[in-house]
Amino acid sequence: MSLNPAVPLAPVRIPVLGHLARALGQDINLAFYLVTIFVTAIVLAVMTWGLPALVITALALVPLMFAWFIIISLP
Protein backbone atom coordinates (compact mmCIF):
# COMPACT_ATOMS: atom_id res chain seq x y z
CA MET A 1 0.00 0.00 0.00
CA SER A 2 1.55 3.28 -1.03
CA LEU A 3 0.75 6.59 0.56
CA ASN A 4 -0.67 9.00 -1.95
CA PRO A 5 0.03 12.60 -0.88
CA ALA A 6 -3.22 13.72 -2.52
CA VAL A 7 -5.28 11.52 -0.18
CA PRO A 8 -5.18 12.72 3.47
CA LEU A 9 -4.74 10.27 6.33
CA ALA A 10 -7.78 9.08 8.32
CA PRO A 11 -7.80 11.64 11.20
CA VAL A 12 -7.66 14.50 8.72
CA ARG A 13 -10.76 13.19 6.91
CA ILE A 14 -12.93 13.50 10.03
CA PRO A 15 -14.35 17.06 9.97
CA VAL A 16 -13.57 18.16 13.54
CA LEU A 17 -10.24 16.36 13.84
CA GLY A 18 -9.14 17.46 10.39
CA HIS A 19 -9.82 21.08 11.18
CA LEU A 20 -7.92 20.82 14.46
CA ALA A 21 -5.02 18.98 12.80
CA ARG A 22 -4.65 21.68 10.15
CA ALA A 23 -4.94 24.44 12.77
CA LEU A 24 -2.31 22.75 14.96
CA GLY A 25 -0.03 22.60 11.94
CA GLN A 26 -0.32 26.36 11.60
CA ASP A 27 -0.18 27.36 15.28
CA ILE A 28 1.03 25.02 18.02
CA ASN A 29 -0.33 27.34 20.73
CA LEU A 30 -3.80 26.05 19.88
CA ALA A 31 -2.98 22.85 21.79
CA PHE A 32 -2.38 24.85 24.97
CA TYR A 33 -5.60 26.80 24.43
CA LEU A 34 -7.57 23.57 24.06
CA VAL A 35 -6.03 22.10 27.23
CA THR A 36 -6.86 25.30 29.13
CA ILE A 37 -10.47 25.20 27.89
CA PHE A 38 -10.79 21.51 28.82
CA VAL A 39 -9.41 22.04 32.35
CA THR A 40 -11.64 25.08 32.85
CA ALA A 41 -14.70 23.08 31.78
CA ILE A 42 -13.79 20.28 34.21
CA VAL A 43 -13.32 22.75 37.08
CA LEU A 44 -16.66 24.42 36.36
CA ALA A 45 -18.39 21.04 36.13
CA VAL A 46 -16.91 19.92 39.46
CA MET A 47 -17.91 23.21 41.08
CA THR A 48 -21.47 22.76 39.74
CA TRP A 49 -22.09 19.02 40.14
CA GLY A 50 -19.30 17.91 42.48
CA LEU A 51 -17.73 14.48 42.49
CA PRO A 52 -20.03 12.89 39.86
CA ALA A 53 -18.65 15.27 37.23
CA LEU A 54 -15.11 14.23 38.11
CA VAL A 55 -16.01 10.54 38.01
CA ILE A 56 -17.76 10.82 34.63
CA THR A 57 -14.77 12.70 33.22
CA ALA A 58 -12.38 10.04 34.48
CA LEU A 59 -14.53 7.28 32.99
CA ALA A 60 -14.65 9.08 29.66
CA LEU A 61 -10.86 9.37 29.58
CA VAL A 62 -10.21 5.65 30.22
CA PRO A 63 -10.51 4.60 26.53
CA LEU A 64 -8.37 7.56 25.50
CA MET A 65 -5.58 6.59 27.90
CA PHE A 66 -5.88 2.94 26.87
CA ALA A 67 -5.39 3.92 23.22
CA TRP A 68 -2.51 6.24 24.19
CA PHE A 69 -0.71 3.41 26.00
CA ILE A 70 -1.12 1.15 22.99
CA ILE A 71 0.19 3.84 20.63
CA ILE A 72 3.29 4.60 22.70
CA SER A 73 4.09 0.92 23.15
CA LEU A 74 4.14 0.12 19.44
CA PRO A 75 7.62 -0.50 18.01
PDB file of N, CA and C in Angstrom:
ATOM      1  N   MET A   1       0.844  -1.168   0.000  1.00  0.00           N
ATOM      2  CA  MET A   1       0.000   0.000   0.000  1.00  0.00           C
ATOM      3  C   MET A   1       0.895   1.238   0.000  1.00  0.00           C
ATOM      4  N   SER A   2       0.744   2.065  -0.976  1.00  0.00           N
ATOM      5  CA  SER A   2       1.549   3.284  -1.034  1.00  0.00           C
ATOM      6  C   SER A   2       0.719   4.463  -0.537  1.00  0.00           C
ATOM      7  N   LEU A   3       1.417   5.396   0.067  1.00  0.00           N
ATOM      8  CA  LEU A   3       0.749   6.588   0.562  1.00  0.00           C
ATOM      9  C   LEU A   3       0.710   7.632  -0.536  1.00  0.00           C
ATOM     10  N   ASN A   4      -0.481   7.991  -0.926  1.00  0.00           N
ATOM     11  CA  ASN A   4      -0.665   9.004  -1.950  1.00  0.00           C
ATOM     12  C   ASN A   4      -0.764  10.357  -1.253  1.00  0.00           C
ATOM     13  N   PRO A   5       0.103  11.315  -1.572  1.00  0.00           N
ATOM     14  CA  PRO A   5       0.034  12.604  -0.883  1.00  0.00           C
ATOM     15  C   PRO A   5      -1.258  13.371  -1.151  1.00  0.00           C
ATOM     16  N   ALA A   6      -1.970  13.021  -2.215  1.00  0.00           N
ATOM     17  CA  ALA A   6      -3.218  13.721  -2.522  1.00  0.00           C
ATOM     18  C   ALA A   6      -4.360  13.264  -1.619  1.00  0.00           C
ATOM     19  N   VAL A   7      -4.240  12.056  -1.029  1.00  0.00           N
ATOM     20  CA  VAL A   7      -5.284  11.520  -0.177  1.00  0.00           C
ATOM     21  C   VAL A   7      -4.847  11.706   1.281  1.00  0.00           C
ATOM     22  N   PRO A   8      -5.583  12.494   2.073  1.00  0.00           N
ATOM     23  CA  PRO A   8      -5.182  12.721   3.466  1.00  0.00           C
ATOM     24  C   PRO A   8      -5.356  11.471   4.308  1.00  0.00           C
ATOM     25  N   LEU A   9      -4.631  11.399   5.418  1.00  0.00           N
ATOM     26  CA  LEU A   9      -4.742  10.271   6.330  1.00  0.00           C
ATOM     27  C   LEU A   9      -6.084  10.327   7.054  1.00  0.00           C
ATOM     28  N   ALA A  10      -6.450   9.230   7.723  1.00  0.00           N
ATOM     29  CA  ALA A  10      -7.776   9.076   8.322  1.00  0.00           C
ATOM     30  C   ALA A  10      -8.172  10.193   9.288  1.00  0.00           C
ATOM     31  N   PRO A  11      -7.330  10.600  10.270  1.00  0.00           N
ATOM     32  CA  PRO A  11      -7.796  11.641  11.197  1.00  0.00           C
ATOM     33  C   PRO A  11      -8.084  12.978  10.512  1.00  0.00           C
ATOM     34  N   VAL A  12      -7.432  13.236   9.401  1.00  0.00           N
ATOM     35  CA  VAL A  12      -7.658  14.502   8.716  1.00  0.00           C
ATOM     36  C   VAL A  12      -8.990  14.478   7.969  1.00  0.00           C
ATOM     37  N   ARG A  13      -9.490  13.308   7.628  1.00  0.00           N
ATOM     38  CA  ARG A  13     -10.761  13.190   6.910  1.00  0.00           C
ATOM     39  C   ARG A  13     -11.967  13.471   7.801  1.00  0.00           C
ATOM     40  N   ILE A  14     -11.833  13.246   9.106  1.00  0.00           N
ATOM     41  CA  ILE A  14     -12.930  13.500  10.027  1.00  0.00           C
ATOM     42  C   ILE A  14     -13.044  15.013  10.193  1.00  0.00           C
ATOM     43  N   PRO A  15     -14.230  15.597  10.018  1.00  0.00           N
ATOM     44  CA  PRO A  15     -14.346  17.061   9.969  1.00  0.00           C
ATOM     45  C   PRO A  15     -13.743  17.805  11.156  1.00  0.00           C
ATOM     46  N   VAL A  16     -14.067  17.416  12.378  1.00  0.00           N
ATOM     47  CA  VAL A  16     -13.566  18.156  13.539  1.00  0.00           C
ATOM     48  C   VAL A  16     -12.073  17.920  13.724  1.00  0.00           C
ATOM     49  N   LEU A  17     -11.650  16.659  13.638  1.00  0.00           N
ATOM     50  CA  LEU A  17     -10.240  16.355  13.842  1.00  0.00           C
ATOM     51  C   LEU A  17      -9.384  16.919  12.720  1.00  0.00           C
ATOM     52  N   GLY A  18      -9.894  16.904  11.510  1.00  0.00           N
ATOM     53  CA  GLY A  18      -9.142  17.457  10.386  1.00  0.00           C
ATOM     54  C   GLY A  18      -8.915  18.939  10.543  1.00  0.00           C
ATOM     55  N   HIS A  19      -9.946  19.641  10.966  1.00  0.00           N
ATOM     56  CA  HIS A  19      -9.823  21.083  11.184  1.00  0.00           C
ATOM     57  C   HIS A  19      -8.799  21.373  12.277  1.00  0.00           C
ATOM     58  N   LEU A  20      -8.869  20.610  13.371  1.00  0.00           N
ATOM     59  CA  LEU A  20      -7.919  20.819  14.455  1.00  0.00           C
ATOM     60  C   LEU A  20      -6.504  20.451  14.034  1.00  0.00           C
ATOM     61  N   ALA A  21      -6.346  19.384  13.252  1.00  0.00           N
ATOM     62  CA  ALA A  21      -5.017  18.982  12.804  1.00  0.00           C
ATOM     63  C   ALA A  21      -4.395  20.054  11.906  1.00  0.00           C
ATOM     64  N   ARG A  22      -5.174  20.616  11.008  1.00  0.00           N
ATOM     65  CA  ARG A  22      -4.647  21.679  10.150  1.00  0.00           C
ATOM     66  C   ARG A  22      -4.332  22.933  10.964  1.00  0.00           C
ATOM     67  N   ALA A  23      -5.184  23.253  11.937  1.00  0.00           N
ATOM     68  CA  ALA A  23      -4.942  24.435  12.765  1.00  0.00           C
ATOM     69  C   ALA A  23      -3.707  24.239  13.643  1.00  0.00           C
ATOM     70  N   LEU A  24      -3.506  23.017  14.164  1.00  0.00           N
ATOM     71  CA  LEU A  24      -2.311  22.748  14.958  1.00  0.00           C
ATOM     72  C   LEU A  24      -1.054  22.833  14.109  1.00  0.00           C
ATOM     73  N   GLY A  25      -1.168  22.479  12.839  1.00  0.00           N
ATOM     74  CA  GLY A  25      -0.032  22.601  11.939  1.00  0.00           C
ATOM     75  C   GLY A  25       0.355  24.050  11.716  1.00  0.00           C
ATOM     76  N   GLN A  26      -0.597  24.943  11.805  1.00  0.00           N
ATOM     77  CA  GLN A  26      -0.324  26.358  11.596  1.00  0.00           C
ATOM     78  C   GLN A  26       0.106  27.058  12.877  1.00  0.00           C
ATOM     79  N   ASP A  27      -0.490  26.683  14.022  1.00  0.00           N
ATOM     80  CA  ASP A  27      -0.176  27.362  15.281  1.00  0.00           C
ATOM     81  C   ASP A  27      -0.210  26.347  16.416  1.00  0.00           C
ATOM     82  N   ILE A  28       0.946  26.021  16.972  1.00  0.00           N
ATOM     83  CA  ILE A  28       1.034  25.017  18.021  1.00  0.00           C
ATOM     84  C   ILE A  28       0.411  25.499  19.330  1.00  0.00           C
ATOM     85  N   ASN A  29       0.274  26.805  19.510  1.00  0.00           N
ATOM     86  CA  ASN A  29      -0.329  27.337  20.733  1.00  0.00           C
ATOM     87  C   ASN A  29      -1.780  26.920  20.883  1.00  0.00           C
ATOM     88  N   LEU A  30      -2.417  26.509  19.809  1.00  0.00           N
ATOM     89  CA  LEU A  30      -3.800  26.045  19.877  1.00  0.00           C
ATOM     90  C   LEU A  30      -3.938  24.852  20.822  1.00  0.00           C
ATOM     91  N   ALA A  31      -2.936  23.997  20.885  1.00  0.00           N
ATOM     92  CA  ALA A  31      -2.984  22.846  21.793  1.00  0.00           C
ATOM     93  C   ALA A  31      -3.079  23.314  23.238  1.00  0.00           C
ATOM     94  N   PHE A  32      -2.323  24.343  23.598  1.00  0.00           N
ATOM     95  CA  PHE A  32      -2.375  24.853  24.968  1.00  0.00           C
ATOM     96  C   PHE A  32      -3.713  25.529  25.252  1.00  0.00           C
ATOM     97  N   TYR A  33      -4.275  26.186  24.258  1.00  0.00           N
ATOM     98  CA  TYR A  33      -5.599  26.796  24.428  1.00  0.00           C
ATOM     99  C   TYR A  33      -6.657  25.728  24.664  1.00  0.00           C
ATOM    100  N   LEU A  34      -6.590  24.646  23.908  1.00  0.00           N
ATOM    101  CA  LEU A  34      -7.565  23.569  24.064  1.00  0.00           C
ATOM    102  C   LEU A  34      -7.440  22.891  25.426  1.00  0.00           C
ATOM    103  N   VAL A  35      -6.224  22.690  25.900  1.00  0.00           N
ATOM    104  CA  VAL A  35      -6.027  22.097  27.231  1.00  0.00           C
ATOM    105  C   VAL A  35      -6.584  23.030  28.304  1.00  0.00           C
ATOM    106  N   THR A  36      -6.344  24.324  28.162  1.00  0.00           N
ATOM    107  CA  THR A  36      -6.864  25.295  29.126  1.00  0.00           C
ATOM    108  C   THR A  36      -8.388  25.298  29.141  1.00  0.00           C
ATOM    109  N   ILE A  37      -9.002  25.247  27.972  1.00  0.00           N
ATOM    110  CA  ILE A  37     -10.466  25.205  27.890  1.00  0.00           C
ATOM    111  C   ILE A  37     -11.005  23.927  28.524  1.00  0.00           C
ATOM    112  N   PHE A  38     -10.350  22.789  28.267  1.00  0.00           N
ATOM    113  CA  PHE A  38     -10.788  21.512  28.821  1.00  0.00           C
ATOM    114  C   PHE A  38     -10.704  21.524  30.351  1.00  0.00           C
ATOM    115  N   VAL A  39      -9.581  21.993  30.888  1.00  0.00           N
ATOM    116  CA  VAL A  39      -9.413  22.035  32.345  1.00  0.00           C
ATOM    117  C   VAL A  39     -10.412  22.999  32.980  1.00  0.00           C
ATOM    118  N   THR A  40     -10.656  24.127  32.326  1.00  0.00           N
ATOM    119  CA  THR A  40     -11.640  25.076  32.850  1.00  0.00           C
ATOM    120  C   THR A  40     -13.040  24.460  32.872  1.00  0.00           C
ATOM    121  N   ALA A  41     -13.382  23.736  31.818  1.00  0.00           N
ATOM    122  CA  ALA A  41     -14.697  23.078  31.776  1.00  0.00           C
ATOM    123  C   ALA A  41     -14.821  22.030  32.876  1.00  0.00           C
ATOM    124  N   ILE A  42     -13.756  21.290  33.141  1.00  0.00           N
ATOM    125  CA  ILE A  42     -13.791  20.284  34.210  1.00  0.00           C
ATOM    126  C   ILE A  42     -13.954  20.964  35.574  1.00  0.00           C
ATOM    127  N   VAL A  43     -13.214  22.034  35.798  1.00  0.00           N
ATOM    128  CA  VAL A  43     -13.316  22.745  37.080  1.00  0.00           C
ATOM    129  C   VAL A  43     -14.722  23.298  37.277  1.00  0.00           C
ATOM    130  N   LEU A  44     -15.295  23.890  36.245  1.00  0.00           N
ATOM    131  CA  LEU A  44     -16.657  24.417  36.357  1.00  0.00           C
ATOM    132  C   LEU A  44     -17.675  23.304  36.586  1.00  0.00           C
ATOM    133  N   ALA A  45     -17.471  22.161  35.929  1.00  0.00           N
ATOM    134  CA  ALA A  45     -18.393  21.037  36.129  1.00  0.00           C
ATOM    135  C   ALA A  45     -18.297  20.505  37.552  1.00  0.00           C
ATOM    136  N   VAL A  46     -17.079  20.404  38.082  1.00  0.00           N
ATOM    137  CA  VAL A  46     -16.914  19.919  39.456  1.00  0.00           C
ATOM    138  C   VAL A  46     -17.496  20.924  40.444  1.00  0.00           C
ATOM    139  N   MET A  47     -17.326  22.207  40.178  1.00  0.00           N
ATOM    140  CA  MET A  47     -17.913  23.212  41.075  1.00  0.00           C
ATOM    141  C   MET A  47     -19.444  23.160  41.038  1.00  0.00           C
ATOM    142  N   THR A  48     -20.010  22.802  39.874  1.00  0.00           N
ATOM    143  CA  THR A  48     -21.465  22.762  39.742  1.00  0.00           C
ATOM    144  C   THR A  48     -22.051  21.459  40.274  1.00  0.00           C
ATOM    145  N   TRP A  49     -21.495  20.314  39.824  1.00  0.00           N
ATOM    146  CA  TRP A  49     -22.094  19.020  40.143  1.00  0.00           C
ATOM    147  C   TRP A  49     -21.292  18.194  41.137  1.00  0.00           C
ATOM    148  N   GLY A  50     -20.098  18.616  41.470  1.00  0.00           N
ATOM    149  CA  GLY A  50     -19.300  17.914  42.477  1.00  0.00           C
ATOM    150  C   GLY A  50     -18.603  16.680  41.933  1.00  0.00           C
ATOM    151  N   LEU A  51     -18.472  15.695  42.795  1.00  0.00           N
ATOM    152  CA  LEU A  51     -17.728  14.481  42.495  1.00  0.00           C
ATOM    153  C   LEU A  51     -18.256  13.696  41.288  1.00  0.00           C
ATOM    154  N   PRO A  52     -19.568  13.626  41.051  1.00  0.00           N
ATOM    155  CA  PRO A  52     -20.027  12.891  39.863  1.00  0.00           C
ATOM    156  C   PRO A  52     -19.451  13.429  38.548  1.00  0.00           C
ATOM    157  N   ALA A  53     -19.248  14.718  38.455  1.00  0.00           N
ATOM    158  CA  ALA A  53     -18.648  15.274  37.234  1.00  0.00           C
ATOM    159  C   ALA A  53     -17.216  14.797  37.071  1.00  0.00           C
ATOM    160  N   LEU A  54     -16.486  14.707  38.160  1.00  0.00           N
ATOM    161  CA  LEU A  54     -15.107  14.233  38.109  1.00  0.00           C
ATOM    162  C   LEU A  54     -15.047  12.751  37.752  1.00  0.00           C
ATOM    163  N   VAL A  55     -15.970  11.970  38.298  1.00  0.00           N
ATOM    164  CA  VAL A  55     -16.009  10.539  38.008  1.00  0.00           C
ATOM    165  C   VAL A  55     -16.377  10.293  36.544  1.00  0.00           C
ATOM    166  N   ILE A  56     -17.357  10.997  36.029  1.00  0.00           N
ATOM    167  CA  ILE A  56     -17.760  10.820  34.628  1.00  0.00           C
ATOM    168  C   ILE A  56     -16.636  11.228  33.691  1.00  0.00           C
ATOM    169  N   THR A  57     -15.915  12.285  34.034  1.00  0.00           N
ATOM    170  CA  THR A  57     -14.771  12.701  33.221  1.00  0.00           C
ATOM    171  C   THR A  57     -13.694  11.634  33.228  1.00  0.00           C
ATOM    172  N   ALA A  58     -13.395  11.078  34.388  1.00  0.00           N
ATOM    173  CA  ALA A  58     -12.381  10.036  34.480  1.00  0.00           C
ATOM    174  C   ALA A  58     -12.794   8.804  33.678  1.00  0.00           C
ATOM    175  N   LEU A  59     -14.052   8.431  33.755  1.00  0.00           N
ATOM    176  CA  LEU A  59     -14.526   7.276  32.994  1.00  0.00           C
ATOM    177  C   LEU A  59     -14.468   7.528  31.487  1.00  0.00           C
ATOM    178  N   ALA A  60     -14.719   8.754  31.080  1.00  0.00           N
ATOM    179  CA  ALA A  60     -14.654   9.082  29.659  1.00  0.00           C
ATOM    180  C   ALA A  60     -13.220   9.068  29.146  1.00  0.00           C
ATOM    181  N   LEU A  61     -12.255   9.343  30.004  1.00  0.00           N
ATOM    182  CA  LEU A  61     -10.856   9.374  29.580  1.00  0.00           C
ATOM    183  C   LEU A  61     -10.175   8.004  29.602  1.00  0.00           C
ATOM    184  N   VAL A  62     -10.810   6.985  30.163  1.00  0.00           N
ATOM    185  CA  VAL A  62     -10.207   5.653  30.217  1.00  0.00           C
ATOM    186  C   VAL A  62      -9.914   5.104  28.817  1.00  0.00           C
ATOM    187  N   PRO A  63     -10.851   5.113  27.863  1.00  0.00           N
ATOM    188  CA  PRO A  63     -10.507   4.597  26.529  1.00  0.00           C
ATOM    189  C   PRO A  63      -9.414   5.417  25.845  1.00  0.00           C
ATOM    190  N   LEU A  64      -9.405   6.709  26.085  1.00  0.00           N
ATOM    191  CA  LEU A  64      -8.366   7.556  25.500  1.00  0.00           C
ATOM    192  C   LEU A  64      -6.986   7.176  26.029  1.00  0.00           C
ATOM    193  N   MET A  65      -6.867   6.984  27.326  1.00  0.00           N
ATOM    194  CA  MET A  65      -5.581   6.593  27.900  1.00  0.00           C
ATOM    195  C   MET A  65      -5.188   5.191  27.468  1.00  0.00           C
ATOM    196  N   PHE A  66      -6.152   4.299  27.339  1.00  0.00           N
ATOM    197  CA  PHE A  66      -5.877   2.938  26.872  1.00  0.00           C
ATOM    198  C   PHE A  66      -5.291   2.983  25.460  1.00  0.00           C
ATOM    199  N   ALA A  67      -5.902   3.777  24.594  1.00  0.00           N
ATOM    200  CA  ALA A  67      -5.387   3.922  23.225  1.00  0.00           C
ATOM    201  C   ALA A  67      -4.009   4.578  23.234  1.00  0.00           C
ATOM    202  N   TRP A  68      -3.810   5.569  24.096  1.00  0.00           N
ATOM    203  CA  TRP A  68      -2.509   6.237  24.191  1.00  0.00           C
ATOM    204  C   TRP A  68      -1.416   5.246  24.605  1.00  0.00           C
ATOM    205  N   PHE A  69      -1.697   4.388  25.571  1.00  0.00           N
ATOM    206  CA  PHE A  69      -0.708   3.408  25.998  1.00  0.00           C
ATOM    207  C   PHE A  69      -0.385   2.417  24.895  1.00  0.00           C
ATOM    208  N   ILE A  70      -1.375   2.046  24.107  1.00  0.00           N
ATOM    209  CA  ILE A  70      -1.125   1.150  22.988  1.00  0.00           C
ATOM    210  C   ILE A  70      -0.270   1.851  21.942  1.00  0.00           C
ATOM    211  N   ILE A  71      -0.564   3.104  21.651  1.00  0.00           N
ATOM    212  CA  ILE A  71       0.191   3.835  20.633  1.00  0.00           C
ATOM    213  C   ILE A  71       1.642   4.004  21.048  1.00  0.00           C
ATOM    214  N   ILE A  72       1.896   4.358  22.294  1.00  0.00           N
ATOM    215  CA  ILE A  72       3.286   4.595  22.695  1.00  0.00           C
ATOM    216  C   ILE A  72       4.062   3.310  22.881  1.00  0.00           C
ATOM    217  N   SER A  73       3.382   2.175  22.984  1.00  0.00           N
ATOM    218  CA  SER A  73       4.088   0.919  23.155  1.00  0.00           C
ATOM    219  C   SER A  73       4.375   0.206  21.833  1.00  0.00           C
ATOM    220  N   LEU A  74       3.861   0.725  20.731  1.00  0.00           N
ATOM    221  CA  LEU A  74       4.138   0.115  19.437  1.00  0.00           C
ATOM    222  C   LEU A  74       5.597   0.325  19.060  1.00  0.00           C
ATOM    223  N   PRO A  75       6.195  -0.654  18.398  1.00  0.00           N
ATOM    224  CA  PRO A  75       7.621  -0.502  18.009  1.00  0.00           C
ATOM    225  C   PRO A  75       7.828   0.529  16.935  1.00  0.00           C
TER     226      PRO A  75
END
